[in-house]
Amino acid sequence: MRLEGRRALVTGAGQGIGRAIALRFARDGAHVVVADRNRDTAGRVADEIRASDRRSAAIVVDVRDVAACRDLVDHAVAELGGLDILVNN
């Protein structure tokens, strides 16, 4: 899968399947916003992505909160200049 230059937002990306998706997207060329309830795990995944020379940001969010989800998308767009991919994990 080639995702060079694509911009992705992955929720639940601090661990498990979400983390694997975020890292795979970055490995395939995407810039990735890592969203998770846990600041530390999200930050570690974003650090891994940045180490692979991709843009990344860690955003803490509770996806049960509709207003927080709207803010998440706004923040992700501001960080990456737009979004091409959304994974709700």
PDB file of N, CA and C in Angstrom:
ATOM      1  N   MET A   1       0.856  -1.172   0.000  1.00  0.00           N
ATOM      2  CA  MET A   1       0.000   0.000   0.000  1.00  0.00           C
ATOM      3  C   MET A   1       0.903   1.237   0.000  1.00  0.00           C
ATOM      4  N   ARG A   2       0.692   2.162  -0.917  1.00  0.00           N
ATOM      5  CA  ARG A   2       1.474   3.391  -0.968  1.00  0.00           C
ATOM      6  C   ARG A   2       0.603   4.559  -0.535  1.00  0.00           C
ATOM      7  N   LEU A   3       1.036   5.237   0.493  1.00  0.00           N
ATOM      8  CA  LEU A   3       0.268   6.351   1.044  1.00  0.00           C
ATOM      9  C   LEU A   3       1.095   7.631   1.077  1.00  0.00           C
ATOM     10  N   GLU A   4       2.095   7.718   0.252  1.00  0.00           N
ATOM     11  CA  GLU A   4       3.014   8.857   0.253  1.00  0.00           C
ATOM     12  C   GLU A   4       2.255  10.187   0.250  1.00  0.00           C
ATOM     13  N   GLY A   5       2.511  10.986   1.297  1.00  0.00           N
ATOM     14  CA  GLY A   5       1.922  12.310   1.393  1.00  0.00           C
ATOM     15  C   GLY A   5       0.483  12.360   1.864  1.00  0.00           C
ATOM     16  N   ARG A   6      -0.145  11.226   2.075  1.00  0.00           N
ATOM     17  CA  ARG A   6      -1.525  11.213   2.583  1.00  0.00           C
ATOM     18  C   ARG A   6      -1.517  11.611   4.053  1.00  0.00           C
ATOM     19  N   ARG A   7      -2.656  12.087   4.531  1.00  0.00           N
ATOM     20  CA  ARG A   7      -2.786  12.546   5.914  1.00  0.00           C
ATOM     21  C   ARG A   7      -3.889  11.754   6.592  1.00  0.00           C
ATOM     22  N   ALA A   8      -3.527  11.095   7.701  1.00  0.00           N
ATOM     23  CA  ALA A   8      -4.461  10.177   8.361  1.00  0.00           C
ATOM     24  C   ALA A   8      -4.696  10.571   9.813  1.00  0.00           C
ATOM     25  N   LEU A   9      -5.897  10.290  10.269  1.00  0.00           N
ATOM     26  CA  LEU A   9      -6.275  10.401  11.674  1.00  0.00           C
ATOM     27  C   LEU A   9      -6.715   9.016  12.112  1.00  0.00           C
ATOM     28  N   VAL A  10      -6.067   8.498  13.163  1.00  0.00           N
ATOM     29  CA  VAL A  10      -6.395   7.162  13.668  1.00  0.00           C
ATOM     30  C   VAL A  10      -6.772   7.289  15.140  1.00  0.00           C
ATOM     31  N   THR A  11      -8.001   6.900  15.481  1.00  0.00           N
ATOM     32  CA  THR A  11      -8.405   6.904  16.883  1.00  0.00           C
ATOM     33  C   THR A  11      -8.018   5.571  17.525  1.00  0.00           C
ATOM     34  N   GLY A  12      -7.860   5.598  18.838  1.00  0.00           N
ATOM     35  CA  GLY A  12      -7.449   4.389  19.551  1.00  0.00           C
ATOM     36  C   GLY A  12      -6.064   3.942  19.133  1.00  0.00           C
ATOM     37  N   ALA A  13      -5.229   4.901  18.749  1.00  0.00           N
ATOM     38  CA  ALA A  13      -3.930   4.584  18.151  1.00  0.00           C
ATOM     39  C   ALA A  13      -2.794   4.484  19.160  1.00  0.00           C
ATOM     40  N   GLY A  14      -3.100   4.555  20.439  1.00  0.00           N
ATOM     41  CA  GLY A  14      -2.048   4.471  21.440  1.00  0.00           C
ATOM     42  C   GLY A  14      -1.542   3.063  21.693  1.00  0.00           C
ATOM     43  N   GLN A  15      -2.310   2.068  21.288  1.00  0.00           N
ATOM     44  CA  GLN A  15      -1.905   0.680  21.531  1.00  0.00           C
ATOM     45  C   GLN A  15      -2.682  -0.257  20.611  1.00  0.00           C
ATOM     46  N   GLY A  16      -2.277  -1.490  20.592  1.00  0.00           N
ATOM     47  CA  GLY A  16      -3.008  -2.541  19.890  1.00  0.00           C
ATOM     48  C   GLY A  16      -3.160  -2.318  18.395  1.00  0.00           C
ATOM     49  N   ILE A  17      -4.350  -2.624  17.894  1.00  0.00           N
ATOM     50  CA  ILE A  17      -4.624  -2.535  16.461  1.00  0.00           C
ATOM     51  C   ILE A  17      -4.484  -1.101  15.957  1.00  0.00           C
ATOM     52  N   GLY A  18      -4.975  -0.132  16.719  1.00  0.00           N
ATOM     53  CA  GLY A  18      -4.858   1.267  16.305  1.00  0.00           C
ATOM     54  C   GLY A  18      -3.413   1.691  16.144  1.00  0.00           C
ATOM     55  N   ARG A  19      -2.567   1.275  17.070  1.00  0.00           N
ATOM     56  CA  ARG A  19      -1.134   1.574  16.979  1.00  0.00           C
ATOM     57  C   ARG A  19      -0.546   0.941  15.726  1.00  0.00           C
ATOM     58  N   ALA A  20      -0.885  -0.315  15.494  1.00  0.00           N
ATOM     59  CA  ALA A  20      -0.365  -1.022  14.317  1.00  0.00           C
ATOM     60  C   ALA A  20      -0.793  -0.319  13.028  1.00  0.00           C
ATOM     61  N   ILE A  21      -2.030   0.136  12.970  1.00  0.00           N
ATOM     62  CA  ILE A  21      -2.517   0.849  11.785  1.00  0.00           C
ATOM     63  C   ILE A  21      -1.745   2.153  11.598  1.00  0.00           C
ATOM     64  N   ALA A  22      -1.606   2.925  12.677  1.00  0.00           N
ATOM     65  CA  ALA A  22      -0.901   4.208  12.587  1.00  0.00           C
ATOM     66  C   ALA A  22       0.540   4.017  12.116  1.00  0.00           C
ATOM     67  N   LEU A  23       1.227   3.038  12.688  1.00  0.00           N
ATOM     68  CA  LEU A  23       2.621   2.794  12.303  1.00  0.00           C
ATOM     69  C   LEU A  23       2.723   2.288  10.871  1.00  0.00           C
ATOM     70  N   ARG A  24       1.789   1.456  10.447  1.00  0.00           N
ATOM     71  CA  ARG A  24       1.800   0.951   9.066  1.00  0.00           C
ATOM     72  C   ARG A  24       1.557   2.085   8.075  1.00  0.00           C
ATOM     73  N   PHE A  25       0.593   2.949   8.394  1.00  0.00           N
ATOM     74  CA  PHE A  25       0.338   4.093   7.519  1.00  0.00           C
ATOM     75  C   PHE A  25       1.598   4.940   7.379  1.00  0.00           C
ATOM     76  N   ALA A  26       2.275   5.206   8.499  1.00  0.00           N
ATOM     77  CA  ALA A  26       3.508   6.005   8.452  1.00  0.00           C
ATOM     78  C   ALA A  26       4.580   5.294   7.636  1.00  0.00           C
ATOM     79  N   ARG A  27       4.734   4.005   7.842  1.00  0.00           N
ATOM     80  CA  ARG A  27       5.726   3.233   7.086  1.00  0.00           C
ATOM     81  C   ARG A  27       5.433   3.290   5.586  1.00  0.00           C
ATOM     82  N   ASP A  28       4.148   3.384   5.242  1.00  0.00           N
ATOM     83  CA  ASP A  28       3.752   3.445   3.837  1.00  0.00           C
ATOM     84  C   ASP A  28       3.697   4.872   3.294  1.00  0.00           C
ATOM     85  N   GLY A  29       4.147   5.848   4.103  1.00  0.00           N
ATOM     86  CA  GLY A  29       4.312   7.205   3.596  1.00  0.00           C
ATOM     87  C   GLY A  29       3.356   8.257   4.110  1.00  0.00           C
ATOM     88  N   ALA A  30       2.401   7.891   4.952  1.00  0.00           N
ATOM     89  CA  ALA A  30       1.410   8.859   5.436  1.00  0.00           C
ATOM     90  C   ALA A  30       1.924   9.629   6.649  1.00  0.00           C
ATOM     91  N   HIS A  31       1.374  10.819   6.821  1.00  0.00           N
ATOM     92  CA  HIS A  31       1.532  11.596   8.048  1.00  0.00           C
ATOM     93  C   HIS A  31       0.318  11.238   8.903  1.00  0.00           C
ATOM     94  N   VAL A  32       0.519  11.075  10.214  1.00  0.00           N
ATOM     95  CA  VAL A  32      -0.548  10.487  11.033  1.00  0.00           C
ATOM     96  C   VAL A  32      -0.772  11.264  12.328  1.00  0.00           C
ATOM     97  N   VAL A  33      -2.030  11.601  12.592  1.00  0.00           N
ATOM     98  CA  VAL A  33      -2.429  12.106  13.900  1.00  0.00           C
ATOM     99  C   VAL A  33      -2.882  10.905  14.720  1.00  0.00           C
ATOM    100  N   VAL A  34      -2.273  10.766  15.887  1.00  0.00           N
ATOM    101  CA  VAL A  34      -2.528   9.655  16.805  1.00  0.00           C
ATOM    102  C   VAL A  34      -3.493  10.151  17.883  1.00  0.00           C
ATOM    103  N   ALA A  35      -4.696   9.617  17.909  1.00  0.00           N
ATOM    104  CA  ALA A  35      -5.691  10.013  18.906  1.00  0.00           C
ATOM    105  C   ALA A  35      -5.929   8.850  19.864  1.00  0.00           C
ATOM    106  N   ASP A  36      -5.930   9.174  21.161  1.00  0.00           N
ATOM    107  CA  ASP A  36      -6.132   8.134  22.163  1.00  0.00           C
ATOM    108  C   ASP A  36      -6.554   8.791  23.469  1.00  0.00           C
ATOM    109  N   ARG A  37      -7.117   8.016  24.371  1.00  0.00           N
ATOM    110  CA  ARG A  37      -7.470   8.537  25.700  1.00  0.00           C
ATOM    111  C   ARG A  37      -6.252   8.710  26.583  1.00  0.00           C
ATOM    112  N   ASN A  38      -5.191   7.988  26.275  1.00  0.00           N
ATOM    113  CA  ASN A  38      -3.994   8.005  27.111  1.00  0.00           C
ATOM    114  C   ASN A  38      -2.906   8.862  26.463  1.00  0.00           C
ATOM    115  N   ARG A  39      -2.552   9.950  27.118  1.00  0.00           N
ATOM    116  CA  ARG A  39      -1.554  10.888  26.596  1.00  0.00           C
ATOM    117  C   ARG A  39      -0.194  10.224  26.392  1.00  0.00           C
ATOM    118  N   ASP A  40       0.231   9.397  27.342  1.00  0.00           N
ATOM    119  CA  ASP A  40       1.565   8.792  27.258  1.00  0.00           C
ATOM    120  C   ASP A  40       1.688   7.829  26.085  1.00  0.00           C
ATOM    121  N   THR A  41       0.717   6.949  25.926  1.00  0.00           N
ATOM    122  CA  THR A  41       0.821   5.980  24.830  1.00  0.00           C
ATOM    123  C   THR A  41       0.682   6.671  23.476  1.00  0.00           C
ATOM    124  N   ALA A  42      -0.221   7.638  23.374  1.00  0.00           N
ATOM    125  CA  ALA A  42      -0.366   8.385  22.117  1.00  0.00           C
ATOM    126  C   ALA A  42       0.929   9.115  21.788  1.00  0.00           C
ATOM    127  N   GLY A  43       1.540   9.707  22.793  1.00  0.00           N
ATOM    128  CA  GLY A  43       2.797  10.424  22.580  1.00  0.00           C
ATOM    129  C   GLY A  43       3.913   9.521  22.109  1.00  0.00           C
ATOM    130  N   ARG A  44       3.981   8.326  22.679  1.00  0.00           N
ATOM    131  CA  ARG A  44       5.031   7.383  22.258  1.00  0.00           C
ATOM    132  C   ARG A  44       4.851   6.962  20.802  1.00  0.00           C
ATOM    133  N   VAL A  45       3.618   6.710  20.399  1.00  0.00           N
ATOM    134  CA  VAL A  45       3.366   6.315  19.006  1.00  0.00           C
ATOM    135  C   VAL A  45       3.689   7.481  18.070  1.00  0.00           C
ATOM    136  N   ALA A  46       3.282   8.689  18.430  1.00  0.00           N
ATOM    137  CA  ALA A  46       3.603   9.859  17.601  1.00  0.00           C
ATOM    138  C   ALA A  46       5.116  10.044  17.494  1.00  0.00           C
ATOM    139  N   ASP A  47       5.840   9.813  18.585  1.00  0.00           N
ATOM    140  CA  ASP A  47       7.310   9.899  18.550  1.00  0.00           C
ATOM    141  C   ASP A  47       7.893   8.874  17.584  1.00  0.00           C
ATOM    142  N   GLU A  48       7.358   7.655  17.606  1.00  0.00           N
ATOM    143  CA  GLU A  48       7.828   6.616  16.675  1.00  0.00           C
ATOM    144  C   GLU A  48       7.609   7.045  15.227  1.00  0.00           C
ATOM    145  N   ILE A  49       6.465   7.645  14.974  1.00  0.00           N
ATOM    146  CA  ILE A  49       6.148   8.079  13.610  1.00  0.00           C
ATOM    147  C   ILE A  49       7.079   9.208  13.187  1.00  0.00           C
ATOM    148  N   ARG A  50       7.299  10.175  14.061  1.00  0.00           N
ATOM    149  CA  ARG A  50       8.213  11.279  13.730  1.00  0.00           C
ATOM    150  C   ARG A  50       9.630  10.780  13.507  1.00  0.00           C
ATOM    151  N   ALA A  51      10.018   9.731  14.215  1.00  0.00           N
ATOM    152  CA  ALA A  51      11.357   9.154  14.030  1.00  0.00           C
ATOM    153  C   ALA A  51      11.519   8.555  12.636  1.00  0.00           C
ATOM    154  N   SER A  52      10.401   8.238  11.984  1.00  0.00           N
ATOM    155  CA  SER A  52      10.454   7.702  10.621  1.00  0.00           C
ATOM    156  C   SER A  52      10.318   8.822   9.588  1.00  0.00           C
ATOM    157  N   ASP A  53      10.538  10.060  10.034  1.00  0.00           N
ATOM    158  CA  ASP A  53      10.543  11.239   9.160  1.00  0.00           C
ATOM    159  C   ASP A  53       9.170  11.557   8.582  1.00  0.00           C
ATOM    160  N   ARG A  54       8.136  11.296   9.357  1.00  0.00           N
ATOM    161  CA  ARG A  54       6.762  11.648   8.992  1.00  0.00           C
ATOM    162  C   ARG A  54       6.228  12.631  10.029  1.00  0.00           C
ATOM    163  N   ARG A  55       5.308  13.474   9.624  1.00  0.00           N
ATOM    164  CA  ARG A  55       4.673  14.380  10.583  1.00  0.00           C
ATOM    165  C   ARG A  55       3.668  13.592  11.413  1.00  0.00           C
ATOM    166  N   SER A  56       3.602  13.950  12.693  1.00  0.00           N
ATOM    167  CA  SER A  56       2.659  13.281  13.578  1.00  0.00           C
ATOM    168  C   SER A  56       2.361  14.172  14.771  1.00  0.00           C
ATOM    169  N   ALA A  57       1.194  13.984  15.333  1.00  0.00           N
ATOM    170  CA  ALA A  57       0.799  14.668  16.557  1.00  0.00           C
ATOM    171  C   ALA A  57      -0.016  13.697  17.387  1.00  0.00           C
ATOM    172  N   ALA A  58       0.125  13.820  18.693  1.00  0.00           N
ATOM    173  CA  ALA A  58      -0.665  13.016  19.630  1.00  0.00           C
ATOM    174  C   ALA A  58      -1.754  13.911  20.209  1.00  0.00           C
ATOM    175  N   ILE A  59      -2.986  13.447  20.136  1.00  0.00           N
ATOM    176  CA  ILE A  59      -4.111  14.211  20.658  1.00  0.00           C
ATOM    177  C   ILE A  59      -4.905  13.318  21.607  1.00  0.00           C
ATOM    178  N   VAL A  60      -5.142  13.839  22.801  1.00  0.00           N
ATOM    179  CA  VAL A  60      -5.933  13.103  23.790  1.00  0.00           C
ATOM    180  C   VAL A  60      -7.405  13.401  23.535  1.00  0.00           C
ATOM    181  N   VAL A  61      -8.207  12.345  23.436  1.00  0.00           N
ATOM    182  CA  VAL A  61      -9.633  12.527  23.158  1.00  0.00           C
ATOM    183  C   VAL A  61     -10.434  11.365  23.737  1.00  0.00           C
ATOM    184  N   ASP A  62     -11.637  11.683  24.171  1.00  0.00           N
ATOM    185  CA  ASP A  62     -12.622  10.673  24.558  1.00  0.00           C
ATOM    186  C   ASP A  62     -13.677  10.684  23.456  1.00  0.00           C
ATOM    187  N   VAL A  63     -13.694   9.665  22.620  1.00  0.00           N
ATOM    188  CA  VAL A  63     -14.577   9.663  21.448  1.00  0.00           C
ATOM    189  C   VAL A  63     -16.059   9.547  21.811  1.00  0.00           C
ATOM    190  N   ARG A  64     -16.368   9.357  23.076  1.00  0.00           N
ATOM    191  CA  ARG A  64     -17.773   9.356  23.499  1.00  0.00           C
ATOM    192  C   ARG A  64     -18.336  10.776  23.569  1.00  0.00           C
ATOM    193  N   ASP A  65     -17.457  11.772  23.518  1.00  0.00           N
ATOM    194  CA  ASP A  65     -17.828  13.182  23.611  1.00  0.00           C
ATOM    195  C   ASP A  65     -17.864  13.783  22.201  1.00  0.00           C
ATOM    196  N   VAL A  66     -19.062  14.080  21.707  1.00  0.00           N
ATOM    197  CA  VAL A  66     -19.226  14.571  20.332  1.00  0.00           C
ATOM    198  C   VAL A  66     -18.441  15.861  20.104  1.00  0.00           C
ATOM    199  N   ALA A  67     -18.505  16.785  21.040  1.00  0.00           N
ATOM    200  CA  ALA A  67     -17.779  18.050  20.887  1.00  0.00           C
ATOM    201  C   ALA A  67     -16.272  17.802  20.829  1.00  0.00           C
ATOM    202  N   ALA A  68     -15.787  16.861  21.625  1.00  0.00           N
ATOM    203  CA  ALA A  68     -14.357  16.533  21.609  1.00  0.00           C
ATOM    204  C   ALA A  68     -13.955  15.941  20.261  1.00  0.00           C
ATOM    205  N   CYS A  69     -14.841  15.173  19.647  1.00  0.00           N
ATOM    206  CA  CYS A  69     -14.557  14.600  18.321  1.00  0.00           C
ATOM    207  C   CYS A  69     -14.463  15.693  17.268  1.00  0.00           C
ATOM    208  N   ARG A  70     -15.343  16.673  17.350  1.00  0.00           N
ATOM    209  CA  ARG A  70     -15.268  17.805  16.413  1.00  0.00           C
ATOM    210  C   ARG A  70     -13.945  18.544  16.588  1.00  0.00           C
ATOM    211  N   ASP A  71     -13.570  18.780  17.842  1.00  0.00           N
ATOM    212  CA  ASP A  71     -12.297  19.447  18.119  1.00  0.00           C
ATOM    213  C   ASP A  71     -11.124  18.617  17.615  1.00  0.00           C
ATOM    214  N   LEU A  72     -11.214  17.303  17.765  1.00  0.00           N
ATOM    215  CA  LEU A  72     -10.164  16.404  17.289  1.00  0.00           C
ATOM    216  C   LEU A  72      -9.944  16.578  15.794  1.00  0.00           C
ATOM    217  N   VAL A  73     -11.016  16.567  15.029  1.00  0.00           N
ATOM    218  CA  VAL A  73     -10.892  16.719  13.574  1.00  0.00           C
ATOM    219  C   VAL A  73     -10.304  18.086  13.236  1.00  0.00           C
ATOM    220  N   ASP A  74     -10.780  19.139  13.895  1.00  0.00           N
ATOM    221  CA  ASP A  74     -10.239  20.480  13.649  1.00  0.00           C
ATOM    222  C   ASP A  74      -8.746  20.533  13.948  1.00  0.00           C
ATOM    223  N   HIS A  75      -8.347  19.934  15.057  1.00  0.00           N
ATOM    224  CA  HIS A  75      -6.936  19.920  15.453  1.00  0.00           C
ATOM    225  C   HIS A  75      -6.109  19.114  14.447  1.00  0.00           C
ATOM    226  N   ALA A  76      -6.618  17.977  14.026  1.00  0.00           N
ATOM    227  CA  ALA A  76      -5.898  17.140  13.059  1.00  0.00           C
ATOM    228  C   ALA A  76      -5.710  17.873  11.735  1.00  0.00           C
ATOM    229  N   VAL A  77      -6.752  18.546  11.271  1.00  0.00           N
ATOM    230  CA  VAL A  77      -6.658  19.316  10.025  1.00  0.00           C
ATOM    231  C   VAL A  77      -5.630  20.435  10.177  1.00  0.00           C
ATOM    232  N   ALA A  78      -5.635  21.103  11.323  1.00  0.00           N
ATOM    233  CA  ALA A  78      -4.661  22.169  11.562  1.00  0.00           C
ATOM    234  C   ALA A  78      -3.235  21.622  11.588  1.00  0.00           C
ATOM    235  N   GLU A  79      -3.041  20.461  12.185  1.00  0.00           N
ATOM    236  CA  GLU A  79      -1.703  19.859  12.281  1.00  0.00           C
ATOM    237  C   GLU A  79      -1.167  19.414  10.928  1.00  0.00           C
ATOM    238  N   LEU A  80      -2.033  18.811  10.115  1.00  0.00           N
ATOM    239  CA  LEU A  80      -1.571  18.185   8.872  1.00  0.00           C
ATOM    240  C   LEU A  80      -1.977  18.940   7.607  1.00  0.00           C
ATOM    241  N   GLY A  81      -2.804  19.979   7.746  1.00  0.00           N
ATOM    242  CA  GLY A  81      -3.231  20.727   6.569  1.00  0.00           C
ATOM    243  C   GLY A  81      -4.371  20.081   5.809  1.00  0.00           C
ATOM    244  N   GLY A  82      -5.058  19.147   6.435  1.00  0.00           N
ATOM    245  CA  GLY A  82      -6.171  18.435   5.816  1.00  0.00           C
ATOM    246  C   GLY A  82      -6.144  16.984   6.231  1.00  0.00           C
ATOM    247  N   LEU A  83      -7.146  16.240   5.816  1.00  0.00           N
ATOM    248  CA  LEU A  83      -7.212  14.804   6.095  1.00  0.00           C
ATOM    249  C   LEU A  83      -7.641  14.056   4.843  1.00  0.00           C
ATOM    250  N   ASP A  84      -7.006  12.932   4.608  1.00  0.00           N
ATOM    251  CA  ASP A  84      -7.364  12.052   3.502  1.00  0.00           C
ATOM    252  C   ASP A  84      -7.946  10.732   3.992  1.00  0.00           C
ATOM    253  N   ILE A  85      -7.565  10.340   5.215  1.00  0.00           N
ATOM    254  CA  ILE A  85      -7.926   9.024   5.748  1.00  0.00           C
ATOM    255  C   ILE A  85      -8.390   9.187   7.192  1.00  0.00           C
ATOM    256  N   LEU A  86      -9.481   8.508   7.546  1.00  0.00           N
ATOM    257  CA  LEU A  86      -9.953   8.467   8.925  1.00  0.00           C
ATOM    258  C   LEU A  86     -10.183   7.016   9.306  1.00  0.00           C
ATOM    259  N   VAL A  87      -9.558   6.603  10.404  1.00  0.00           N
ATOM    260  CA  VAL A  87      -9.776   5.258  10.938  1.00  0.00           C
ATOM    261  C   VAL A  87     -10.353   5.414  12.336  1.00  0.00           C
ATOM    262  N   ASN A  88     -11.590   4.969  12.510  1.00  0.00           N
ATOM    263  CA  ASN A  88     -12.228   4.959  13.825  1.00  0.00           C
ATOM    264  C   ASN A  88     -12.039   3.575  14.417  1.00  0.00           C
ATOM    265  N   ASN A  89     -11.116   3.461  15.336  1.00  0.00           N
ATOM    266  CA  ASN A  89     -10.767   2.169  15.915  1.00  0.00           C
ATOM    267  C   ASN A  89     -11.319   2.081  17.324  1.00  0.00           C
TER     268      ASN A  89
END
